[in-house]
Amino acid sequence: MRVAKENAARRCPQCGKAEKQINAGRNRSGTQRCYCNDCGKYYTFEPKRNAYDEETRKQALKIYYSGVSGRKVGLLMGMSKANVYNWIKKNTGK
């Protein structure tokens, strides 16, 4: 049987209780997952942010609109071309 670790900073987002919170493995990005024994909710304690910042998006769009293909923008900036195409689609409203 797993023993619940007491940590005042770790609270269940659903019921708000800090006691009876146990570690429940890791998610795909490697962040610790927790389980609340009171309400049965699985949650990530400190989720990682997997998004590009606004400055990077603006720079990619600027390069694209200067005449470089979306695929080449992805290669130049070290990201997926799908990211670039999604930002273009979102920016034009189509």
PDB file of N, CA and C in Angstrom:
ATOM      1  N   MET A   1       0.842  -1.188   0.000  1.00  0.00           N
ATOM      2  CA  MET A   1       0.000   0.000   0.000  1.00  0.00           C
ATOM      3  C   MET A   1       0.877   1.238   0.000  1.00  0.00           C
ATOM      4  N   ARG A   2       0.525   2.179  -0.871  1.00  0.00           N
ATOM      5  CA  ARG A   2       1.273   3.426  -0.930  1.00  0.00           C
ATOM      6  C   ARG A   2       0.868   4.347   0.205  1.00  0.00           C
ATOM      7  N   VAL A   3       1.842   5.030   0.764  1.00  0.00           N
ATOM      8  CA  VAL A   3       1.576   5.949   1.861  1.00  0.00           C
ATOM      9  C   VAL A   3       1.503   7.363   1.297  1.00  0.00           C
ATOM     10  N   ALA A   4       0.494   8.115   1.714  1.00  0.00           N
ATOM     11  CA  ALA A   4       0.318   9.484   1.242  1.00  0.00           C
ATOM     12  C   ALA A   4       1.387  10.381   1.839  1.00  0.00           C
ATOM     13  N   LYS A   5       2.010  11.186   0.979  1.00  0.00           N
ATOM     14  CA  LYS A   5       3.003  12.148   1.456  1.00  0.00           C
ATOM     15  C   LYS A   5       2.305  13.464   1.767  1.00  0.00           C
ATOM     16  N   GLU A   6       2.622  14.008   2.919  1.00  0.00           N
ATOM     17  CA  GLU A   6       2.029  15.281   3.312  1.00  0.00           C
ATOM     18  C   GLU A   6       2.869  16.412   2.735  1.00  0.00           C
ATOM     19  N   ASN A   7       2.229  17.276   1.972  1.00  0.00           N
ATOM     20  CA  ASN A   7       2.890  18.435   1.387  1.00  0.00           C
ATOM     21  C   ASN A   7       1.849  19.544   1.345  1.00  0.00           C
ATOM     22  N   ALA A   8       2.084  20.614   2.087  1.00  0.00           N
ATOM     23  CA  ALA A   8       1.097  21.683   2.200  1.00  0.00           C
ATOM     24  C   ALA A   8       0.853  22.379   0.859  1.00  0.00           C
ATOM     25  N   ALA A   9       1.872  22.410  -0.011  1.00  0.00           N
ATOM     26  CA  ALA A   9       1.723  23.096  -1.294  1.00  0.00           C
ATOM     27  C   ALA A   9       0.914  22.263  -2.290  1.00  0.00           C
ATOM     28  N   ARG A  10       0.872  20.953  -2.106  1.00  0.00           N
ATOM     29  CA  ARG A  10       0.152  20.073  -3.030  1.00  0.00           C
ATOM     30  C   ARG A  10      -1.300  19.954  -2.593  1.00  0.00           C
ATOM     31  N   ARG A  11      -2.186  20.505  -3.391  1.00  0.00           N
ATOM     32  CA  ARG A  11      -3.616  20.461  -3.100  1.00  0.00           C
ATOM     33  C   ARG A  11      -4.358  19.924  -4.313  1.00  0.00           C
ATOM     34  N   CYS A  12      -5.415  19.182  -4.053  1.00  0.00           N
ATOM     35  CA  CYS A  12      -6.262  18.657  -5.121  1.00  0.00           C
ATOM     36  C   CYS A  12      -7.020  19.813  -5.765  1.00  0.00           C
ATOM     37  N   PRO A  13      -6.983  19.926  -7.107  1.00  0.00           N
ATOM     38  CA  PRO A  13      -7.698  21.024  -7.755  1.00  0.00           C
ATOM     39  C   PRO A  13      -9.219  20.885  -7.686  1.00  0.00           C
ATOM     40  N   GLN A  14      -9.709  19.682  -7.411  1.00  0.00           N
ATOM     41  CA  GLN A  14     -11.160  19.467  -7.376  1.00  0.00           C
ATOM     42  C   GLN A  14     -11.741  19.693  -5.982  1.00  0.00           C
ATOM     43  N   CYS A  15     -11.170  19.040  -4.978  1.00  0.00           N
ATOM     44  CA  CYS A  15     -11.739  19.169  -3.626  1.00  0.00           C
ATOM     45  C   CYS A  15     -10.956  20.133  -2.736  1.00  0.00           C
ATOM     46  N   GLY A  16      -9.712  20.467  -3.098  1.00  0.00           N
ATOM     47  CA  GLY A  16      -8.935  21.447  -2.349  1.00  0.00           C
ATOM     48  C   GLY A  16      -8.222  20.919  -1.122  1.00  0.00           C
ATOM     49  N   LYS A  17      -8.263  19.616  -0.874  1.00  0.00           N
ATOM     50  CA  LYS A  17      -7.621  19.051   0.310  1.00  0.00           C
ATOM     51  C   LYS A  17      -6.142  18.805   0.067  1.00  0.00           C
ATOM     52  N   ALA A  18      -5.340  18.983   1.130  1.00  0.00           N
ATOM     53  CA  ALA A  18      -3.896  18.773   1.030  1.00  0.00           C
ATOM     54  C   ALA A  18      -3.484  17.410   1.575  1.00  0.00           C
ATOM     55  N   GLU A  19      -4.331  16.777   2.369  1.00  0.00           N
ATOM     56  CA  GLU A  19      -3.995  15.465   2.916  1.00  0.00           C
ATOM     57  C   GLU A  19      -4.516  14.375   1.980  1.00  0.00           C
ATOM     58  N   LYS A  20      -3.927  13.195   2.117  1.00  0.00           N
ATOM     59  CA  LYS A  20      -4.278  12.018   1.308  1.00  0.00           C
ATOM     60  C   LYS A  20      -3.978  12.197  -0.182  1.00  0.00           C
ATOM     61  N   GLN A  21      -2.910  12.916  -0.495  1.00  0.00           N
ATOM     62  CA  GLN A  21      -2.451  13.078  -1.879  1.00  0.00           C
ATOM     63  C   GLN A  21      -1.259  12.141  -2.076  1.00  0.00           C
ATOM     64  N   ILE A  22      -1.319  11.250  -3.063  1.00  0.00           N
ATOM     65  CA  ILE A  22      -0.229  10.300  -3.279  1.00  0.00           C
ATOM     66  C   ILE A  22       0.331  10.457  -4.686  1.00  0.00           C
ATOM     67  N   ASN A  23       1.590  10.087  -4.837  1.00  0.00           N
ATOM     68  CA  ASN A  23       2.226  10.110  -6.144  1.00  0.00           C
ATOM     69  C   ASN A  23       1.641   8.991  -6.996  1.00  0.00           C
ATOM     70  N   ALA A  24       1.416   9.288  -8.291  1.00  0.00           N
ATOM     71  CA  ALA A  24       0.787   8.317  -9.182  1.00  0.00           C
ATOM     72  C   ALA A  24       1.522   8.254 -10.516  1.00  0.00           C
ATOM     73  N   GLY A  25       2.844   8.174 -10.470  1.00  0.00           N
ATOM     74  CA  GLY A  25       3.622   8.054 -11.700  1.00  0.00           C
ATOM     75  C   GLY A  25       3.911   9.395 -12.335  1.00  0.00           C
ATOM     76  N   ARG A  26       4.203   9.350 -13.629  1.00  0.00           N
ATOM     77  CA  ARG A  26       4.541  10.566 -14.372  1.00  0.00           C
ATOM     78  C   ARG A  26       3.748  10.616 -15.666  1.00  0.00           C
ATOM     79  N   ASN A  27       3.513  11.837 -16.160  1.00  0.00           N
ATOM     80  CA  ASN A  27       2.808  11.971 -17.430  1.00  0.00           C
ATOM     81  C   ASN A  27       3.810  11.927 -18.587  1.00  0.00           C
ATOM     82  N   ARG A  28       3.345  12.144 -19.830  1.00  0.00           N
ATOM     83  CA  ARG A  28       4.219  11.999 -21.001  1.00  0.00           C
ATOM     84  C   ARG A  28       5.393  12.963 -21.010  1.00  0.00           C
ATOM     85  N   SER A  29       5.214  14.151 -20.457  1.00  0.00           N
ATOM     86  CA  SER A  29       6.308  15.126 -20.453  1.00  0.00           C
ATOM     87  C   SER A  29       7.263  14.918 -19.280  1.00  0.00           C
ATOM     88  N   GLY A  30       6.988  13.944 -18.422  1.00  0.00           N
ATOM     89  CA  GLY A  30       7.886  13.616 -17.326  1.00  0.00           C
ATOM     90  C   GLY A  30       7.556  14.294 -16.015  1.00  0.00           C
ATOM     91  N   THR A  31       6.442  15.001 -15.934  1.00  0.00           N
ATOM     92  CA  THR A  31       6.055  15.693 -14.718  1.00  0.00           C
ATOM     93  C   THR A  31       5.315  14.749 -13.782  1.00  0.00           C
ATOM     94  N   GLN A  32       5.535  14.914 -12.498  1.00  0.00           N
ATOM     95  CA  GLN A  32       4.911  14.062 -11.483  1.00  0.00           C
ATOM     96  C   GLN A  32       3.396  14.200 -11.484  1.00  0.00           C
ATOM     97  N   ARG A  33       2.680  13.062 -11.494  1.00  0.00           N
ATOM     98  CA  ARG A  33       1.234  13.046 -11.370  1.00  0.00           C
ATOM     99  C   ARG A  33       0.869  12.675  -9.941  1.00  0.00           C
ATOM    100  N   CYS A  34      -0.280  13.133  -9.481  1.00  0.00           N
ATOM    101  CA  CYS A  34      -0.753  12.850  -8.128  1.00  0.00           C
ATOM    102  C   CYS A  34      -2.175  12.316  -8.192  1.00  0.00           C
ATOM    103  N   TYR A  35      -2.576  11.670  -7.110  1.00  0.00           N
ATOM    104  CA  TYR A  35      -3.914  11.109  -6.993  1.00  0.00           C
ATOM    105  C   TYR A  35      -4.486  11.509  -5.643  1.00  0.00           C
ATOM    106  N   CYS A  36      -5.726  11.991  -5.658  1.00  0.00           N
ATOM    107  CA  CYS A  36      -6.409  12.356  -4.417  1.00  0.00           C
ATOM    108  C   CYS A  36      -7.245  11.168  -3.961  1.00  0.00           C
ATOM    109  N   ASN A  37      -6.950  10.649  -2.779  1.00  0.00           N
ATOM    110  CA  ASN A  37      -7.692   9.505  -2.249  1.00  0.00           C
ATOM    111  C   ASN A  37      -9.106   9.880  -1.810  1.00  0.00           C
ATOM    112  N   ASP A  38      -9.366  11.166  -1.581  1.00  0.00           N
ATOM    113  CA  ASP A  38     -10.703  11.575  -1.157  1.00  0.00           C
ATOM    114  C   ASP A  38     -11.689  11.620  -2.319  1.00  0.00           C
ATOM    115  N   CYS A  39     -11.310  12.290  -3.407  1.00  0.00           N
ATOM    116  CA  CYS A  39     -12.272  12.462  -4.510  1.00  0.00           C
ATOM    117  C   CYS A  39     -11.937  11.609  -5.731  1.00  0.00           C
ATOM    118  N   GLY A  40     -10.763  10.966  -5.768  1.00  0.00           N
ATOM    119  CA  GLY A  40     -10.402  10.086  -6.875  1.00  0.00           C
ATOM    120  C   GLY A  40      -9.899  10.799  -8.108  1.00  0.00           C
ATOM    121  N   LYS A  41      -9.449  12.036  -7.986  1.00  0.00           N
ATOM    122  CA  LYS A  41      -8.986  12.838  -9.121  1.00  0.00           C
ATOM    123  C   LYS A  41      -7.490  12.655  -9.328  1.00  0.00           C
ATOM    124  N   TYR A  42      -7.078  12.379 -10.586  1.00  0.00           N
ATOM    125  CA  TYR A  42      -5.673  12.396 -10.974  1.00  0.00           C
ATOM    126  C   TYR A  42      -5.356  13.792 -11.479  1.00  0.00           C
ATOM    127  N   TYR A  43      -4.204  14.340 -11.098  1.00  0.00           N
ATOM    128  CA  TYR A  43      -3.818  15.672 -11.558  1.00  0.00           C
ATOM    129  C   TYR A  43      -2.303  15.784 -11.594  1.00  0.00           C
ATOM    130  N   THR A  44      -1.830  16.780 -12.317  1.00  0.00           N
ATOM    131  CA  THR A  44      -0.399  17.054 -12.413  1.00  0.00           C
ATOM    132  C   THR A  44      -0.080  18.181 -11.449  1.00  0.00           C
ATOM    133  N   PHE A  45       0.899  17.947 -10.603  1.00  0.00           N
ATOM    134  CA  PHE A  45       1.230  18.897  -9.540  1.00  0.00           C
ATOM    135  C   PHE A  45       1.779  20.210 -10.103  1.00  0.00           C
ATOM    136  N   GLU A  46       2.809  20.148 -10.926  1.00  0.00           N
ATOM    137  CA  GLU A  46       3.395  21.342 -11.543  1.00  0.00           C
ATOM    138  C   GLU A  46       3.516  21.086 -13.045  1.00  0.00           C
ATOM    139  N   PRO A  47       2.454  21.348 -13.837  1.00  0.00           N
ATOM    140  CA  PRO A  47       2.500  21.033 -15.264  1.00  0.00           C
ATOM    141  C   PRO A  47       3.511  21.895 -16.012  1.00  0.00           C
ATOM    142  N   LYS A  48       4.140  21.289 -17.020  1.00  0.00           N
ATOM    143  CA  LYS A  48       5.088  22.018 -17.859  1.00  0.00           C
ATOM    144  C   LYS A  48       4.332  22.723 -18.973  1.00  0.00           C
ATOM    145  N   ARG A  49       4.869  23.798 -19.412  1.00  0.00           N
ATOM    146  CA  ARG A  49       4.269  24.552 -20.506  1.00  0.00           C
ATOM    147  C   ARG A  49       5.002  24.166 -21.785  1.00  0.00           C
ATOM    148  N   ASN A  50       4.281  23.646 -22.773  1.00  0.00           N
ATOM    149  CA  ASN A  50       4.898  23.168 -24.006  1.00  0.00           C
ATOM    150  C   ASN A  50       4.583  24.069 -25.189  1.00  0.00           C
ATOM    151  N   ALA A  51       4.508  25.361 -24.976  1.00  0.00           N
ATOM    152  CA  ALA A  51       4.158  26.284 -26.047  1.00  0.00           C
ATOM    153  C   ALA A  51       5.318  27.226 -26.343  1.00  0.00           C
ATOM    154  N   TYR A  52       5.347  27.728 -27.574  1.00  0.00           N
ATOM    155  CA  TYR A  52       6.334  28.733 -27.953  1.00  0.00           C
ATOM    156  C   TYR A  52       5.835  30.094 -27.491  1.00  0.00           C
ATOM    157  N   ASP A  53       6.767  30.969 -27.123  1.00  0.00           N
ATOM    158  CA  ASP A  53       6.365  32.295 -26.678  1.00  0.00           C
ATOM    159  C   ASP A  53       5.916  33.150 -27.872  1.00  0.00           C
ATOM    160  N   GLU A  54       5.270  34.248 -27.570  1.00  0.00           N
ATOM    161  CA  GLU A  54       4.686  35.114 -28.603  1.00  0.00           C
ATOM    162  C   GLU A  54       5.747  35.707 -29.525  1.00  0.00           C
ATOM    163  N   GLU A  55       6.911  36.020 -28.988  1.00  0.00           N
ATOM    164  CA  GLU A  55       7.996  36.591 -29.798  1.00  0.00           C
ATOM    165  C   GLU A  55       8.460  35.612 -30.874  1.00  0.00           C
ATOM    166  N   THR A  56       8.568  34.328 -30.532  1.00  0.00           N
ATOM    167  CA  THR A  56       8.974  33.311 -31.499  1.00  0.00           C
ATOM    168  C   THR A  56       7.926  33.172 -32.596  1.00  0.00           C
ATOM    169  N   ARG A  57       6.659  33.204 -32.220  1.00  0.00           N
ATOM    170  CA  ARG A  57       5.581  33.122 -33.213  1.00  0.00           C
ATOM    171  C   ARG A  57       5.624  34.296 -34.178  1.00  0.00           C
ATOM    172  N   LYS A  58       5.789  35.494 -33.637  1.00  0.00           N
ATOM    173  CA  LYS A  58       5.849  36.691 -34.490  1.00  0.00           C
ATOM    174  C   LYS A  58       7.028  36.634 -35.445  1.00  0.00           C
ATOM    175  N   GLN A  59       8.167  36.161 -34.957  1.00  0.00           N
ATOM    176  CA  GLN A  59       9.359  36.065 -35.788  1.00  0.00           C
ATOM    177  C   GLN A  59       9.145  35.046 -36.910  1.00  0.00           C
ATOM    178  N   ALA A  60       8.523  33.904 -36.607  1.00  0.00           N
ATOM    179  CA  ALA A  60       8.253  32.891 -37.625  1.00  0.00           C
ATOM    180  C   ALA A  60       7.300  33.429 -38.687  1.00  0.00           C
ATOM    181  N   LEU A  61       6.255  34.139 -38.282  1.00  0.00           N
ATOM    182  CA  LEU A  61       5.313  34.710 -39.239  1.00  0.00           C
ATOM    183  C   LEU A  61       5.974  35.790 -40.096  1.00  0.00           C
ATOM    184  N   LYS A  62       6.846  36.561 -39.481  1.00  0.00           N
ATOM    185  CA  LYS A  62       7.558  37.612 -40.223  1.00  0.00           C
ATOM    186  C   LYS A  62       8.436  36.997 -41.310  1.00  0.00           C
ATOM    187  N   ILE A  63       9.135  35.926 -40.972  1.00  0.00           N
ATOM    188  CA  ILE A  63       9.979  35.235 -41.957  1.00  0.00           C
ATOM    189  C   ILE A  63       9.112  34.647 -43.066  1.00  0.00           C
ATOM    190  N   TYR A  64       7.974  34.048 -42.688  1.00  0.00           N
ATOM    191  CA  TYR A  64       7.083  33.441 -43.684  1.00  0.00           C
ATOM    192  C   TYR A  64       6.547  34.494 -44.652  1.00  0.00           C
ATOM    193  N   TYR A  65       6.087  35.628 -44.128  1.00  0.00           N
ATOM    194  CA  TYR A  65       5.505  36.668 -44.974  1.00  0.00           C
ATOM    195  C   TYR A  65       6.562  37.421 -45.788  1.00  0.00           C
ATOM    196  N   SER A  66       7.845  37.206 -45.482  1.00  0.00           N
ATOM    197  CA  SER A  66       8.897  37.813 -46.306  1.00  0.00           C
ATOM    198  C   SER A  66       9.198  36.971 -47.541  1.00  0.00           C
ATOM    199  N   GLY A  67       8.537  35.790 -47.672  1.00  0.00           N
ATOM    200  CA  GLY A  67       8.678  34.999 -48.887  1.00  0.00           C
ATOM    201  C   GLY A  67       9.284  33.625 -48.696  1.00  0.00           C
ATOM    202  N   VAL A  68       9.596  33.245 -47.472  1.00  0.00           N
ATOM    203  CA  VAL A  68      10.186  31.934 -47.201  1.00  0.00           C
ATOM    204  C   VAL A  68       9.048  30.936 -46.988  1.00  0.00           C
ATOM    205  N   SER A  69       9.209  29.725 -47.464  1.00  0.00           N
ATOM    206  CA  SER A  69       8.154  28.711 -47.310  1.00  0.00           C
ATOM    207  C   SER A  69       7.995  28.322 -45.838  1.00  0.00           C
ATOM    208  N   GLY A  70       6.827  27.782 -45.510  1.00  0.00           N
ATOM    209  CA  GLY A  70       6.564  27.348 -44.140  1.00  0.00           C
ATOM    210  C   GLY A  70       7.492  26.242 -43.703  1.00  0.00           C
ATOM    211  N   ARG A  71       7.814  25.350 -44.637  1.00  0.00           N
ATOM    212  CA  ARG A  71       8.734  24.245 -44.332  1.00  0.00           C
ATOM    213  C   ARG A  71      10.119  24.782 -44.005  1.00  0.00           C
ATOM    214  N   LYS A  72      10.571  25.769 -44.772  1.00  0.00           N
ATOM    215  CA  LYS A  72      11.906  26.355 -44.553  1.00  0.00           C
ATOM    216  C   LYS A  72      11.949  27.143 -43.239  1.00  0.00           C
ATOM    217  N   VAL A  73      10.835  27.811 -42.901  1.00  0.00           N
ATOM    218  CA  VAL A  73      10.770  28.532 -41.619  1.00  0.00           C
ATOM    219  C   VAL A  73      10.934  27.549 -40.469  1.00  0.00           C
ATOM    220  N   GLY A  74      10.264  26.402 -40.581  1.00  0.00           N
ATOM    221  CA  GLY A  74      10.393  25.381 -39.552  1.00  0.00           C
ATOM    222  C   GLY A  74      11.821  24.883 -39.421  1.00  0.00           C
ATOM    223  N   LEU A  75      12.486  24.678 -40.551  1.00  0.00           N
ATOM    224  CA  LEU A  75      13.880  24.227 -40.511  1.00  0.00           C
ATOM    225  C   LEU A  75      14.789  25.293 -39.912  1.00  0.00           C
ATOM    226  N   LEU A  76      14.592  26.548 -40.303  1.00  0.00           N
ATOM    227  CA  LEU A  76      15.433  27.640 -39.811  1.00  0.00           C
ATOM    228  C   LEU A  76      15.298  27.853 -38.301  1.00  0.00           C
ATOM    229  N   MET A  77      14.074  27.716 -37.817  1.00  0.00           N
ATOM    230  CA  MET A  77      13.826  27.992 -36.403  1.00  0.00           C
ATOM    231  C   MET A  77      13.846  26.748 -35.525  1.00  0.00           C
ATOM    232  N   GLY A  78      14.060  25.573 -36.124  1.00  0.00           N
ATOM    233  CA  GLY A  78      14.160  24.344 -35.348  1.00  0.00           C
ATOM    234  C   GLY A  78      12.841  23.880 -34.762  1.00  0.00           C
ATOM    235  N   MET A  79      11.772  24.007 -35.533  1.00  0.00           N
ATOM    236  CA  MET A  79      10.451  23.591 -35.066  1.00  0.00           C
ATOM    237  C   MET A  79       9.726  22.870 -36.186  1.00  0.00           C
ATOM    238  N   SER A  80       8.586  22.338 -35.895  1.00  0.00           N
ATOM    239  CA  SER A  80       7.793  21.625 -36.879  1.00  0.00           C
ATOM    240  C   SER A  80       7.142  22.605 -37.850  1.00  0.00           C
ATOM    241  N   LYS A  81       7.067  22.211 -39.124  1.00  0.00           N
ATOM    242  CA  LYS A  81       6.391  23.070 -40.101  1.00  0.00           C
ATOM    243  C   LYS A  81       4.902  23.176 -39.786  1.00  0.00           C
ATOM    244  N   ALA A  82       4.346  22.146 -39.114  1.00  0.00           N
ATOM    245  CA  ALA A  82       2.936  22.194 -38.736  1.00  0.00           C
ATOM    246  C   ALA A  82       2.652  23.350 -37.789  1.00  0.00           C
ATOM    247  N   ASN A  83       3.585  23.642 -36.891  1.00  0.00           N
ATOM    248  CA  ASN A  83       3.421  24.794 -36.003  1.00  0.00           C
ATOM    249  C   ASN A  83       3.289  26.069 -36.816  1.00  0.00           C
ATOM    250  N   VAL A  84       4.168  26.237 -37.778  1.00  0.00           N
ATOM    251  CA  VAL A  84       4.175  27.444 -38.599  1.00  0.00           C
ATOM    252  C   VAL A  84       2.869  27.554 -39.368  1.00  0.00           C
ATOM    253  N   TYR A  85       2.431  26.464 -39.996  1.00  0.00           N
ATOM    254  CA  TYR A  85       1.206  26.498 -40.780  1.00  0.00           C
ATOM    255  C   TYR A  85      -0.019  26.747 -39.895  1.00  0.00           C
ATOM    256  N   ASN A  86      -0.026  26.212 -38.692  1.00  0.00           N
ATOM    257  CA  ASN A  86      -1.130  26.463 -37.775  1.00  0.00           C
ATOM    258  C   ASN A  86      -1.184  27.939 -37.360  1.00  0.00           C
ATOM    259  N   TRP A  87      -0.031  28.546 -37.129  1.00  0.00           N
ATOM    260  CA  TRP A  87       0.012  29.961 -36.764  1.00  0.00           C
ATOM    261  C   TRP A  87      -0.439  30.828 -37.930  1.00  0.00           C
ATOM    262  N   ILE A  88      -0.062  30.450 -39.157  1.00  0.00           N
ATOM    263  CA  ILE A  88      -0.482  31.206 -40.342  1.00  0.00           C
ATOM    264  C   ILE A  88      -2.001  31.127 -40.476  1.00  0.00           C
ATOM    265  N   LYS A  89      -2.541  29.916 -40.323  1.00  0.00           N
ATOM    266  CA  LYS A  89      -3.986  29.726 -40.436  1.00  0.00           C
ATOM    267  C   LYS A  89      -4.729  30.527 -39.366  1.00  0.00           C
ATOM    268  N   LYS A  90      -4.193  30.530 -38.152  1.00  0.00           N
ATOM    269  CA  LYS A  90      -4.823  31.257 -37.048  1.00  0.00           C
ATOM    270  C   LYS A  90      -4.728  32.765 -37.282  1.00  0.00           C
ATOM    271  N   ASN A  91      -3.620  33.216 -37.855  1.00  0.00           N
ATOM    272  CA  ASN A  91      -3.388  34.639 -38.079  1.00  0.00           C
ATOM    273  C   ASN A  91      -4.287  35.193 -39.188  1.00  0.00           C
ATOM    274  N   THR A  92      -4.559  34.378 -40.222  1.00  0.00           N
ATOM    275  CA  THR A  92      -5.381  34.851 -41.338  1.00  0.00           C
ATOM    276  C   THR A  92      -6.866  34.650 -41.065  1.00  0.00           C
ATOM    277  N   GLY A  93      -7.214  33.841 -40.076  1.00  0.00           N
ATOM    278  CA  GLY A  93      -8.613  33.635 -39.721  1.00  0.00           C
ATOM    279  C   GLY A  93      -9.330  32.634 -40.593  1.00  0.00           C
ATOM    280  N   LYS A  94      -8.609  31.782 -41.290  1.00  0.00           N
ATOM    281  CA  LYS A  94      -9.231  30.781 -42.168  1.00  0.00           C
ATOM    282  C   LYS A  94      -9.347  29.455 -41.478  1.00  0.00           C
TER     283      LYS A  94
END
